[in-house]
C-alpha atoms as a PDB file:
ATOM      1  CA  UNK A   1      -2.634  13.462 -25.630  1.00  0.00           C
ATOM      2  CA  UNK A   2      -5.535  13.142 -23.191  1.00  0.00           C
ATOM      3  CA  UNK A   3      -4.884  13.258 -19.471  1.00  0.00           C
ATOM      4  CA  UNK A   4      -5.960  10.846 -16.758  1.00  0.00           C
ATOM      5  CA  UNK A   5      -7.897  12.570 -13.991  1.00  0.00           C
ATOM      6  CA  UNK A   6      -7.770  11.333 -10.411  1.00  0.00           C
ATOM      7  CA  UNK A   7     -11.125  11.445  -8.642  1.00  0.00           C
ATOM      8  CA  UNK A   8     -10.957  11.833  -4.876  1.00  0.00           C
ATOM      9  CA  UNK A   9     -14.316  13.522  -4.302  1.00  0.00           C
ATOM     10  CA  UNK A  10     -16.774  10.989  -2.985  1.00  0.00           C
ATOM     11  CA  UNK A  11     -19.737  12.705  -4.688  1.00  0.00           C
ATOM     12  CA  UNK A  12     -18.108  12.242  -8.098  1.00  0.00           C
ATOM     13  CA  UNK A  13     -17.201   8.621  -7.430  1.00  0.00           C
ATOM     14  CA  UNK A  14     -20.721   7.908  -6.159  1.00  0.00           C
ATOM     15  CA  UNK A  15     -22.215   9.060  -9.486  1.00  0.00           C
ATOM     16  CA  UNK A  16     -20.165   6.452 -11.321  1.00  0.00           C
ATOM     17  CA  UNK A  17     -21.649   3.636  -9.251  1.00  0.00           C
ATOM     18  CA  UNK A  18     -24.501   3.852 -11.780  1.00  0.00           C
ATOM     19  CA  UNK A  19     -23.455   1.515 -14.605  1.00  0.00           C
ATOM     20  CA  UNK A  20     -25.405   3.553 -17.200  1.00  0.00           C
ATOM     21  CA  UNK A  21     -23.530   6.758 -16.378  1.00  0.00           C
ATOM     22  CA  UNK A  22     -20.262   4.864 -16.444  1.00  0.00           C
ATOM     23  CA  UNK A  23     -21.103   3.499 -19.889  1.00  0.00           C
ATOM     24  CA  UNK A  24     -21.944   6.977 -21.217  1.00  0.00           C
ATOM     25  CA  UNK A  25     -18.756   8.411 -19.743  1.00  0.00           C
ATOM     26  CA  UNK A  26     -16.605   5.709 -21.320  1.00  0.00           C
ATOM     27  CA  UNK A  27     -18.137   6.367 -24.740  1.00  0.00           C
ATOM     28  CA  UNK A  28     -17.449  10.092 -24.352  1.00  0.00           C
ATOM     29  CA  UNK A  29     -13.847   9.342 -23.374  1.00  0.00           C
ATOM     30  CA  UNK A  30     -13.389   7.652 -26.745  1.00  0.00           C
ATOM     31  CA  UNK A  31     -14.858  10.499 -28.821  1.00  0.00           C
ATOM     32  CA  UNK A  32     -17.359  13.378 -28.669  1.00  0.00           C
ATOM     33  CA  UNK A  33     -20.989  12.455 -29.318  1.00  0.00           C
ATOM     34  CA  UNK A  34     -24.462  13.958 -29.405  1.00  0.00           C
ATOM     35  CA  UNK A  35     -27.465  12.865 -27.396  1.00  0.00           C
ATOM     36  CA  UNK A  36     -28.854  11.258 -30.549  1.00  0.00           C
ATOM     37  CA  UNK A  37     -25.646   9.300 -31.202  1.00  0.00           C
ATOM     38  CA  UNK A  38     -25.520   8.076 -27.625  1.00  0.00           C
ATOM     39  CA  UNK A  39     -29.211   7.160 -27.663  1.00  0.00           C
ATOM     40  CA  UNK A  40     -28.731   5.119 -30.827  1.00  0.00           C
ATOM     41  CA  UNK A  41     -25.651   3.331 -29.441  1.00  0.00           C
ATOM     42  CA  UNK A  42     -27.224   2.520 -26.086  1.00  0.00           C
ATOM     43  CA  UNK A  43     -30.704   1.888 -27.498  1.00  0.00           C
ATOM     44  CA  UNK A  44     -32.246   4.471 -25.172  1.00  0.00           C
ATOM     45  CA  UNK A  45     -34.309   7.626 -25.669  1.00  0.00           C
ATOM     46  CA  UNK A  46     -32.552  11.010 -26.060  1.00  0.00           C
ATOM     47  CA  UNK A  47     -34.446  12.239 -22.986  1.00  0.00           C
ATOM     48  CA  UNK A  48     -33.000   9.373 -20.914  1.00  0.00           C
ATOM     49  CA  UNK A  49     -29.496  10.200 -22.180  1.00  0.00           C
ATOM     50  CA  UNK A  50     -30.011  13.930 -21.470  1.00  0.00           C
ATOM     51  CA  UNK A  51     -30.829  13.214 -17.813  1.00  0.00           C
ATOM     52  CA  UNK A  52     -27.538  11.364 -17.274  1.00  0.00           C
ATOM     53  CA  UNK A  53     -25.508  13.876 -19.286  1.00  0.00           C
ATOM     54  CA  UNK A  54     -26.789  16.736 -17.109  1.00  0.00           C
ATOM     55  CA  UNK A  55     -25.842  14.793 -13.985  1.00  0.00           C
ATOM     56  CA  UNK A  56     -22.330  14.152 -15.315  1.00  0.00           C
ATOM     57  CA  UNK A  57     -22.016  17.804 -16.355  1.00  0.00           C
ATOM     58  CA  UNK A  58     -22.942  18.999 -12.871  1.00  0.00           C
ATOM     59  CA  UNK A  59     -20.140  16.817 -11.463  1.00  0.00           C
ATOM     60  CA  UNK A  60     -17.603  18.323 -13.929  1.00  0.00           C
ATOM     61  CA  UNK A  61     -17.046  14.963 -15.589  1.00  0.00           C
ATOM     62  CA  UNK A  62     -18.550  15.871 -18.988  1.00  0.00           C
ATOM     63  CA  UNK A  63     -18.572  19.082 -21.024  1.00  0.00           C
ATOM     64  CA  UNK A  64     -20.199  20.370 -24.208  1.00  0.00           C
ATOM     65  CA  UNK A  65     -17.456  20.995 -26.772  1.00  0.00           C
ATOM     66  CA  UNK A  66     -19.221  21.913 -30.004  1.00  0.00           C
ATOM     67  CA  UNK A  67     -22.569  23.086 -31.376  1.00  0.00           C
ATOM     68  CA  UNK A  68     -23.326  22.358 -35.066  1.00  0.00           C
ATOM     69  CA  UNK A  69     -26.305  23.851 -36.872  1.00  0.00           C
ATOM     70  CA  UNK A  70     -27.401  22.364 -40.183  1.00  0.00           C
ATOM     71  CA  UNK A  71     -30.517  24.024 -41.485  1.00  0.00           C
ATOM     72  CA  UNK A  72     -33.064  23.817 -38.700  1.00  0.00           C
ATOM     73  CA  UNK A  73     -31.182  21.062 -36.860  1.00  0.00           C
ATOM     74  CA  UNK A  74     -28.846  21.954 -33.982  1.00  0.00           C
ATOM     75  CA  UNK A  75     -26.552  19.264 -32.596  1.00  0.00           C
ATOM     76  CA  UNK A  76     -24.638  19.559 -29.345  1.00  0.00           C
ATOM     77  CA  UNK A  77     -21.525  17.431 -28.964  1.00  0.00           C
ATOM     78  CA  UNK A  78     -20.375  16.299 -25.532  1.00  0.00           C
ATOM     79  CA  UNK A  79     -17.145  14.691 -24.395  1.00  0.00           C
ATOM     80  CA  UNK A  80     -15.559  13.521 -21.142  1.00  0.00           C
ATOM     81  CA  UNK A  81     -13.254  16.030 -19.472  1.00  0.00           C
ATOM     82  CA  UNK A  82     -10.512  13.407 -19.132  1.00  0.00           C
ATOM     83  CA  UNK A  83      -9.200  10.600 -21.296  1.00  0.00           C
ATOM     84  CA  UNK A  84      -9.523   8.216 -18.357  1.00  0.00           C
ATOM     85  CA  UNK A  85     -10.329   8.319 -14.655  1.00  0.00           C
ATOM     86  CA  UNK A  86      -8.454   6.964 -11.666  1.00  0.00           C
ATOM     87  CA  UNK A  87     -10.857   6.406  -8.777  1.00  0.00           C
ATOM     88  CA  UNK A  88      -9.075   6.951  -5.498  1.00  0.00           C
ATOM     89  CA  UNK A  89     -11.079   7.327  -2.292  1.00  0.00           C
ATOM     90  CA  UNK A  90     -10.825   5.811   1.168  1.00  0.00           C
ATOM     91  CA  UNK A  91     -14.109   5.476   3.029  1.00  0.00           C
ATOM     92  CA  UNK A  92     -13.351   6.296   6.666  1.00  0.00           C
ATOM     93  CA  UNK A  93     -15.417   5.684   9.801  1.00  0.00           C
ATOM     94  CA  UNK A  94     -17.438   8.596  11.114  1.00  0.00           C
ATOM     95  CA  UNK A  95     -16.113   9.182  14.620  1.00  0.00           C
ATOM     96  CA  UNK A  96     -15.305  12.032  16.980  1.00  0.00           C
ATOM     97  CA  UNK A  97     -11.717  10.826  17.177  1.00  0.00           C
ATOM     98  CA  UNK A  98      -9.195  11.687  14.455  1.00  0.00           C
ATOM     99  CA  UNK A  99      -8.654   8.837  11.992  1.00  0.00           C
ATOM    100  CA  UNK A 100      -5.027   8.080  11.106  1.00  0.00           C
ATOM    101  CA  UNK A 101      -4.144   5.837   8.179  1.00  0.00           C
ATOM    102  CA  UNK A 102      -0.896   3.893   8.430  1.00  0.00           C
ATOM    103  CA  UNK A 103       0.348   2.400   5.171  1.00  0.00           C
ATOM    104  CA  UNK A 104       3.626   0.637   4.586  1.00  0.00           C
ATOM    105  CA  UNK A 105       5.491  -2.473   5.584  1.00  0.00           C
ATOM    106  CA  UNK A 106       3.648  -4.956   7.758  1.00  0.00           C
ATOM    107  CA  UNK A 107       4.792  -4.806  11.370  1.00  0.00           C
ATOM    108  CA  UNK A 108       3.573  -6.659  14.446  1.00  0.00           C
ATOM    109  CA  UNK A 109       4.357  -3.795  16.839  1.00  0.00           C
ATOM    110  CA  UNK A 110       2.152  -1.354  14.911  1.00  0.00           C
ATOM    111  CA  UNK A 111      -0.769  -3.742  15.349  1.00  0.00           C
ATOM    112  CA  UNK A 112      -0.258  -3.585  19.113  1.00  0.00           C
ATOM    113  CA  UNK A 113       0.158   0.193  19.241  1.00  0.00           C
ATOM    114  CA  UNK A 114      -3.256   0.761  17.639  1.00  0.00           C
ATOM    115  CA  UNK A 115      -4.998  -0.692  20.685  1.00  0.00           C
ATOM    116  CA  UNK A 116      -3.077   1.471  23.158  1.00  0.00           C
ATOM    117  CA  UNK A 117      -3.837   4.808  21.521  1.00  0.00           C
ATOM    118  CA  UNK A 118      -7.436   4.080  20.536  1.00  0.00           C
ATOM    119  CA  UNK A 119      -8.675   6.513  23.216  1.00  0.00           C
ATOM    120  CA  UNK A 120      -7.143   9.389  21.260  1.00  0.00           C
ATOM    121  CA  UNK A 121      -7.097   8.330  17.589  1.00  0.00           C
ATOM    122  CA  UNK A 122      -8.346   5.534  15.365  1.00  0.00           C
ATOM    123  CA  UNK A 123      -5.248   4.022  13.729  1.00  0.00           C
ATOM    124  CA  UNK A 124      -6.115   2.047  10.585  1.00  0.00           C
ATOM    125  CA  UNK A 125      -3.628  -0.225   8.844  1.00  0.00           C
ATOM    126  CA  UNK A 126      -3.088  -0.612   5.083  1.00  0.00           C
ATOM    127  CA  UNK A 127      -0.110  -2.986   4.621  1.00  0.00           C
ATOM    128  CA  UNK A 128       1.292  -2.631   1.099  1.00  0.00           C
ATOM    129  CA  UNK A 129       5.061  -2.911   1.579  1.00  0.00           C
ATOM    130  CA  UNK A 130       7.694  -0.294   2.315  1.00  0.00           C
ATOM    131  CA  UNK A 131       8.007   1.243  -1.144  1.00  0.00           C
ATOM    132  CA  UNK A 132       4.287   1.426  -1.937  1.00  0.00           C
ATOM    133  CA  UNK A 133       3.643   2.791   1.547  1.00  0.00           C
ATOM    134  CA  UNK A 134       5.948   5.730   0.851  1.00  0.00           C
ATOM    135  CA  UNK A 135       4.225   6.230  -2.503  1.00  0.00           C
ATOM    136  CA  UNK A 136       0.860   6.303  -0.703  1.00  0.00           C
ATOM    137  CA  UNK A 137       2.284   8.869   1.716  1.00  0.00           C
ATOM    138  CA  UNK A 138       3.493  10.968  -1.195  1.00  0.00           C
ATOM    139  CA  UNK A 139       0.025  10.841  -2.771  1.00  0.00           C
ATOM    140  CA  UNK A 140      -1.767  11.761   0.443  1.00  0.00           C
ATOM    141  CA  UNK A 141      -3.442   8.370   0.904  1.00  0.00           C
ATOM    142  CA  UNK A 142      -2.068   7.996   4.437  1.00  0.00           C
ATOM    143  CA  UNK A 143      -0.632  10.192   7.199  1.00  0.00           C
ATOM    144  CA  UNK A 144       2.268   7.941   8.260  1.00  0.00           C
ATOM    145  CA  UNK A 145       4.190   5.085   6.689  1.00  0.00           C
ATOM    146  CA  UNK A 146       6.455   2.307   7.922  1.00  0.00           C
ATOM    147  CA  UNK A 147       9.612   1.345   6.073  1.00  0.00           C
ATOM    148  CA  UNK A 148      12.713  -0.873   6.232  1.00  0.00           C
ATOM    149  CA  UNK A 149      14.316  -0.175   2.861  1.00  0.00           C
ATOM    150  CA  UNK A 150      18.036  -0.886   2.765  1.00  0.00           C
ATOM    151  CA  UNK A 151      19.852   1.388   0.320  1.00  0.00           C
ATOM    152  CA  UNK A 152      22.984   0.401  -1.592  1.00  0.00           C
ATOM    153  CA  UNK A 153      24.851   2.860   0.640  1.00  0.00           C
ATOM    154  CA  UNK A 154      24.037   0.673   3.656  1.00  0.00           C
ATOM    155  CA  UNK A 155      21.577   3.213   5.097  1.00  0.00           C
ATOM    156  CA  UNK A 156      17.997   2.337   5.948  1.00  0.00           C
ATOM    157  CA  UNK A 157      15.117   4.434   4.606  1.00  0.00           C
ATOM    158  CA  UNK A 158      16.623   7.934   4.607  1.00  0.00           C
ATOM    159  CA  UNK A 159      18.057   7.859   1.034  1.00  0.00           C
ATOM    160  CA  UNK A 160      14.693   6.691  -0.325  1.00  0.00           C
ATOM    161  CA  UNK A 161      12.792   9.322   1.676  1.00  0.00           C
ATOM    162  CA  UNK A 162      15.097  12.053   0.347  1.00  0.00           C
ATOM    163  CA  UNK A 163      14.514  10.891  -3.230  1.00  0.00           C
ATOM    164  CA  UNK A 164      10.737  10.646  -2.923  1.00  0.00           C
ATOM    165  CA  UNK A 165      10.179  13.823  -0.897  1.00  0.00           C
ATOM    166  CA  UNK A 166      12.746  16.390  -2.101  1.00  0.00           C
ATOM    167  CA  UNK A 167      10.235  19.216  -1.743  1.00  0.00           C
ATOM    168  CA  UNK A 168       8.760  18.446   1.695  1.00  0.00           C
ATOM    169  CA  UNK A 169       9.914  18.527   5.298  1.00  0.00           C
ATOM    170  CA  UNK A 170       9.895  14.940   6.510  1.00  0.00           C
ATOM    171  CA  UNK A 171      10.534  13.149   9.780  1.00  0.00           C
ATOM    172  CA  UNK A 172      11.928   9.653  10.205  1.00  0.00           C
ATOM    173  CA  UNK A 173      11.485   8.070  13.643  1.00  0.00           C
ATOM    174  CA  UNK A 174      12.731   4.609  14.551  1.00  0.00           C
ATOM    175  CA  UNK A 175      10.038   2.229  15.707  1.00  0.00           C
ATOM    176  CA  UNK A 176      12.272  -0.766  16.395  1.00  0.00           C
ATOM    177  CA  UNK A 177      15.117  -2.957  15.246  1.00  0.00           C
ATOM    178  CA  UNK A 178      13.898  -6.345  14.023  1.00  0.00           C
ATOM    179  CA  UNK A 179      15.461  -9.710  13.179  1.00  0.00           C
ATOM    180  CA  UNK A 180      14.566 -11.372   9.900  1.00  0.00           C
ATOM    181  CA  UNK A 181      15.504 -14.782   8.590  1.00  0.00           C
ATOM    182  CA  UNK A 182      14.170 -18.091   7.317  1.00  0.00           C
ATOM    183  CA  UNK A 183      10.835 -19.169   8.806  1.00  0.00           C
ATOM    184  CA  UNK A 184      10.620 -22.963   8.706  1.00  0.00           C
ATOM    185  CA  UNK A 185       8.249 -25.751   9.694  1.00  0.00           C
ATOM    186  CA  UNK A 186       8.782 -26.988  13.246  1.00  0.00           C
ATOM    187  CA  UNK A 187      11.774 -29.313  13.469  1.00  0.00           C
ATOM    188  CA  UNK A 188      13.050 -28.042  10.087  1.00  0.00           C
ATOM    189  CA  UNK A 189      12.163 -31.315   8.307  1.00  0.00           C
ATOM    190  CA  UNK A 190      13.714 -30.140   5.031  1.00  0.00           C
ATOM    191  CA  UNK A 191      17.064 -29.390   6.686  1.00  0.00           C
ATOM    192  CA  UNK A 192      17.307 -25.844   5.356  1.00  0.00           C
ATOM    193  CA  UNK A 193      20.264 -23.814   6.624  1.00  0.00           C
ATOM    194  CA  UNK A 194      20.845 -20.800   4.364  1.00  0.00           C
ATOM    195  CA  UNK A 195      19.120 -18.576   1.836  1.00  0.00           C
ATOM    196  CA  UNK A 196      20.547 -20.562  -1.109  1.00  0.00           C
ATOM    197  CA  UNK A 197      18.627 -23.642   0.100  1.00  0.00           C
ATOM    198  CA  UNK A 198      15.274 -22.140  -0.966  1.00  0.00           C
ATOM    199  CA  UNK A 199      16.274 -22.932  -4.567  1.00  0.00           C
ATOM    200  CA  UNK A 200      16.541 -26.655  -3.829  1.00  0.00           C
ATOM    201  CA  UNK A 201      14.253 -29.013  -5.752  1.00  0.00           C
ATOM    202  CA  UNK A 202      10.835 -29.628  -4.163  1.00  0.00           C
ATOM    203  CA  UNK A 203      11.232 -26.833  -1.594  1.00  0.00           C
ATOM    204  CA  UNK A 204       7.987 -24.813  -1.469  1.00  0.00           C
ATOM    205  CA  UNK A 205       8.767 -21.149  -0.931  1.00  0.00           C
ATOM    206  CA  UNK A 206       6.284 -18.353  -0.199  1.00  0.00           C
ATOM    207  CA  UNK A 207       7.365 -14.843  -1.171  1.00  0.00           C
ATOM    208  CA  UNK A 208       6.453 -11.308  -0.106  1.00  0.00           C
ATOM    209  CA  UNK A 209       4.871  -8.701  -2.357  1.00  0.00           C
ATOM    210  CA  UNK A 210       6.975  -6.656  -4.767  1.00  0.00           C
ATOM    211  CA  UNK A 211       8.100  -3.375  -3.207  1.00  0.00           C
ATOM    212  CA  UNK A 212       8.229  -4.760   0.323  1.00  0.00           C
ATOM    213  CA  UNK A 213      11.538  -4.322   2.142  1.00  0.00           C
ATOM    214  CA  UNK A 214      11.724  -8.078   2.690  1.00  0.00           C
ATOM    215  CA  UNK A 215      11.271  -8.824  -1.023  1.00  0.00           C
ATOM    216  CA  UNK A 216      13.840  -6.202  -2.025  1.00  0.00           C
ATOM    217  CA  UNK A 217      16.371  -7.694   0.430  1.00  0.00           C
ATOM    218  CA  UNK A 218      15.718 -11.168  -0.978  1.00  0.00           C
ATOM    219  CA  UNK A 219      16.110 -10.067  -4.607  1.00  0.00           C
ATOM    220  CA  UNK A 220      19.371  -8.310  -3.786  1.00  0.00           C
ATOM    221  CA  UNK A 221      20.663 -11.420  -2.016  1.00  0.00           C
ATOM    222  CA  UNK A 222      19.648 -13.735  -4.874  1.00  0.00           C
ATOM    223  CA  UNK A 223      21.520 -11.469  -7.275  1.00  0.00           C
ATOM    224  CA  UNK A 224      24.600 -11.570  -5.039  1.00  0.00           C
ATOM    225  CA  UNK A 225      24.453 -15.362  -4.948  1.00  0.00           C
ATOM    226  CA  UNK A 226      23.769 -15.583  -8.705  1.00  0.00           C
ATOM    227  CA  UNK A 227      20.552 -17.545  -8.091  1.00  0.00           C
ATOM    228  CA  UNK A 228      17.810 -17.128 -10.672  1.00  0.00           C
ATOM    229  CA  UNK A 229      14.330 -16.580  -9.254  1.00  0.00           C
ATOM    230  CA  UNK A 230      13.096 -19.098 -11.840  1.00  0.00           C
ATOM    231  CA  UNK A 231      14.808 -21.842  -9.819  1.00  0.00           C
ATOM    232  CA  UNK A 232      12.701 -21.055  -6.733  1.00  0.00           C
ATOM    233  CA  UNK A 233       9.470 -23.021  -6.484  1.00  0.00           C
ATOM    234  CA  UNK A 234       6.988 -20.457  -5.160  1.00  0.00           C
ATOM    235  CA  UNK A 235       8.834 -17.250  -5.989  1.00  0.00           C
ATOM    236  CA  UNK A 236       5.591 -15.989  -7.561  1.00  0.00           C
ATOM    237  CA  UNK A 237       3.485 -17.215  -4.627  1.00  0.00           C
ATOM    238  CA  UNK A 238       3.047 -13.847  -2.917  1.00  0.00           C
ATOM    239  CA  UNK A 239       1.504 -12.727   0.391  1.00  0.00           C
ATOM    240  CA  UNK A 240       1.379  -9.233   1.900  1.00  0.00           C
ATOM    241  CA  UNK A 241       2.360  -9.880   5.513  1.00  0.00           C
ATOM    242  CA  UNK A 242       4.861 -11.845   7.593  1.00  0.00           C
ATOM    243  CA  UNK A 243       1.934 -13.390   9.460  1.00  0.00           C
ATOM    244  CA  UNK A 244       0.323 -14.661   6.240  1.00  0.00           C
ATOM    245  CA  UNK A 245       3.584 -16.310   5.198  1.00  0.00           C
ATOM    246  CA  UNK A 246       4.022 -17.909   8.625  1.00  0.00           C
ATOM    247  CA  UNK A 247       0.422 -19.176   8.579  1.00  0.00           C
ATOM    248  CA  UNK A 248       0.992 -20.998   5.285  1.00  0.00           C
ATOM    249  CA  UNK A 249       4.069 -22.745   6.679  1.00  0.00           C
ATOM    250  CA  UNK A 250       2.255 -23.654   9.897  1.00  0.00           C
ATOM    251  CA  UNK A 251      -0.600 -25.131   7.822  1.00  0.00           C
ATOM    252  CA  UNK A 252       1.839 -27.256   5.809  1.00  0.00           C
ATOM    253  CA  UNK A 253       1.178 -25.360   2.571  1.00  0.00           C
ATOM    254  CA  UNK A 254       4.743 -24.070   2.257  1.00  0.00           C
ATOM    255  CA  UNK A 255       8.170 -25.064   3.590  1.00  0.00           C
ATOM    256  CA  UNK A 256       9.952 -21.758   4.007  1.00  0.00           C
ATOM    257  CA  UNK A 257       9.675 -17.984   3.751  1.00  0.00           C
ATOM    258  CA  UNK A 258      11.770 -14.963   4.581  1.00  0.00           C
ATOM    259  CA  UNK A 259      10.223 -13.097   7.487  1.00  0.00           C
ATOM    260  CA  UNK A 260      10.248 -11.816  11.040  1.00  0.00           C
ATOM    261  CA  UNK A 261      11.464 -13.917  13.933  1.00  0.00           C
ATOM    262  CA  UNK A 262       8.434 -12.672  15.897  1.00  0.00           C
ATOM    263  CA  UNK A 263       6.036 -14.024  13.260  1.00  0.00           C
ATOM    264  CA  UNK A 264       7.825 -17.388  13.271  1.00  0.00           C
ATOM    265  CA  UNK A 265       7.589 -17.525  17.072  1.00  0.00           C
ATOM    266  CA  UNK A 266       3.880 -16.694  17.079  1.00  0.00           C
ATOM    267  CA  UNK A 267       3.179 -19.532  14.639  1.00  0.00           C
ATOM    268  CA  UNK A 268       5.414 -22.101  16.390  1.00  0.00           C
ATOM    269  CA  UNK A 269       7.932 -22.266  13.549  1.00  0.00           C
ATOM    270  CA  UNK A 270      11.671 -22.836  13.512  1.00  0.00           C
ATOM    271  CA  UNK A 271      13.774 -19.818  12.600  1.00  0.00           C
ATOM    272  CA  UNK A 272      17.251 -19.190  11.200  1.00  0.00           C
ATOM    273  CA  UNK A 273      18.318 -15.535  11.708  1.00  0.00           C
ATOM    274  CA  UNK A 274      19.907 -13.831   8.696  1.00  0.00           C
ATOM    275  CA  UNK A 275      19.993 -10.081   9.417  1.00  0.00           C
ATOM    276  CA  UNK A 276      18.847  -7.291  11.715  1.00  0.00           C
ATOM    277  CA  UNK A 277      17.130  -4.260  10.231  1.00  0.00           C
ATOM    278  CA  UNK A 278      15.909  -0.845  11.315  1.00  0.00           C
ATOM    279  CA  UNK A 279      12.195  -0.223  10.904  1.00  0.00           C
ATOM    280  CA  UNK A 280      11.219   3.461  10.812  1.00  0.00           C
ATOM    281  CA  UNK A 281       8.052   5.507  10.789  1.00  0.00           C
ATOM    282  CA  UNK A 282       8.025   8.162   8.066  1.00  0.00           C
ATOM    283  CA  UNK A 283       5.760  11.212   8.218  1.00  0.00           C
ATOM    284  CA  UNK A 284       5.505  14.707   6.751  1.00  0.00           C
ATOM    285  CA  UNK A 285       6.259  17.305   9.419  1.00  0.00           C
ATOM    286  CA  UNK A 286       2.853  18.868   8.763  1.00  0.00           C
ATOM    287  CA  UNK A 287       1.245  15.666  10.131  1.00  0.00           C
ATOM    288  CA  UNK A 288       3.211  15.704  13.383  1.00  0.00           C
ATOM    289  CA  UNK A 289       0.418  17.253  15.466  1.00  0.00           C
ATOM    290  CA  UNK A 290      -2.179  14.710  14.339  1.00  0.00           C
ATOM    291  CA  UNK A 291       0.282  11.902  15.085  1.00  0.00           C
ATOM    292  CA  UNK A 292       1.222  13.143  18.573  1.00  0.00           C
ATOM    293  CA  UNK A 293      -0.554  10.254  20.404  1.00  0.00           C
ATOM    294  CA  UNK A 294       1.413   7.728  18.335  1.00  0.00           C
ATOM    295  CA  UNK A 295       4.769   9.505  18.651  1.00  0.00           C
ATOM    296  CA  UNK A 296       4.316  10.091  22.379  1.00  0.00           C
ATOM    297  CA  UNK A 297       3.510   6.427  22.972  1.00  0.00           C
ATOM    298  CA  UNK A 298       6.864   5.423  21.473  1.00  0.00           C
ATOM    299  CA  UNK A 299       8.576   7.230  24.385  1.00  0.00           C
ATOM    300  CA  UNK A 300       6.758   5.304  27.129  1.00  0.00           C
ATOM    301  CA  UNK A 301       8.084   2.460  29.241  1.00  0.00           C
ATOM    302  CA  UNK A 302       4.879   0.553  28.475  1.00  0.00           C
ATOM    303  CA  UNK A 303       5.679   0.560  24.764  1.00  0.00           C
ATOM    304  CA  UNK A 304       9.256  -0.611  25.304  1.00  0.00           C
ATOM    305  CA  UNK A 305       8.093  -3.404  27.591  1.00  0.00           C
ATOM    306  CA  UNK A 306       5.539  -4.589  25.067  1.00  0.00           C
ATOM    307  CA  UNK A 307       7.977  -4.305  22.159  1.00  0.00           C
ATOM    308  CA  UNK A 308      10.659  -6.338  23.913  1.00  0.00           C
ATOM    309  CA  UNK A 309       8.129  -9.133  24.385  1.00  0.00           C
ATOM    310  CA  UNK A 310       8.106  -9.622  20.609  1.00  0.00           C
ATOM    311  CA  UNK A 311      10.799 -12.164  19.797  1.00  0.00           C
ATOM    312  CA  UNK A 312      13.549 -10.618  17.679  1.00  0.00           C
ATOM    313  CA  UNK A 313      12.545  -7.008  18.406  1.00  0.00           C
ATOM    314  CA  UNK A 314      14.754  -4.435  20.149  1.00  0.00           C
ATOM    315  CA  UNK A 315      13.547  -1.129  21.630  1.00  0.00           C
ATOM    316  CA  UNK A 316      17.051   0.273  22.145  1.00  0.00           C
ATOM    317  CA  UNK A 317      16.626   2.978  19.469  1.00  0.00           C
ATOM    318  CA  UNK A 318      12.816   3.255  19.564  1.00  0.00           C
ATOM    319  CA  UNK A 319      11.550   6.818  19.356  1.00  0.00           C
ATOM    320  CA  UNK A 320      14.863   8.172  18.031  1.00  0.00           C
ATOM    321  CA  UNK A 321      14.541  10.763  15.279  1.00  0.00           C
ATOM    322  CA  UNK A 322      16.805  10.009  12.313  1.00  0.00           C
ATOM    323  CA  UNK A 323      18.447  12.950  10.605  1.00  0.00           C
ATOM    324  CA  UNK A 324      17.724  13.425   6.928  1.00  0.00           C
END
């Protein structure tokens, strides 16, 4: 069985921007071939093929695996070093300041924090949802993640962190407690009152992406209420942030979504609170030094003042380290 190789070196990825090299590499992933075979397939000269093969060899993407001699004819067979490639590279700004990548659940407070610590670090946001954010952290694609995953035990985040990082020292620090509920058009013209109402006929729902804490809470609640997702008009209409969902409702393109009270307030929507959750920052202990400006800011009065201005947010436990 061939393996899939992950490419993170920019120089290797850059080589594959050439469509001809990519085509050669894909052919050599399927089976070994000689320069003559490749030239015939691609309708190019052997010399042209040789140039690209040497470039791919120098990048450790292709290797010679066999030499066959028949009479006076010597054939060299080449193949790709992997059965497939996963290209994984983040292009970061070139700056004197450290660049920190945050990936996880969308949060309005994180967006505000970035501006306050910009003197010390560049904080870049990749919202993908709580679960995928922790996966990105595990794979080294970010330095800190944000999560609000409710476990069956009733605990937020820590059981999932223990499962995903059994071999690493991790820190979990509370950013805030947040209120989530139904975000509705102003005046609630559809008369929605509870989560079960999103399954009513002609109600246009907008959902969050799979793996987000909000989506996982919704799916658990639908299961508890014995409501099939097929009955919800818009269950497959997915956005990545609370703000995107609120914008669609404000624009009249949807009737309801599950999201943050703060997002509903910012977009002049009605809101029915359903639950309060704990939103934590998750980081490997080895990243603590690089994240000092962020962690220190959580302890300031300025941060708490700003956080409490977000409707439905509470700073009471902000900055508290959660035991794993």
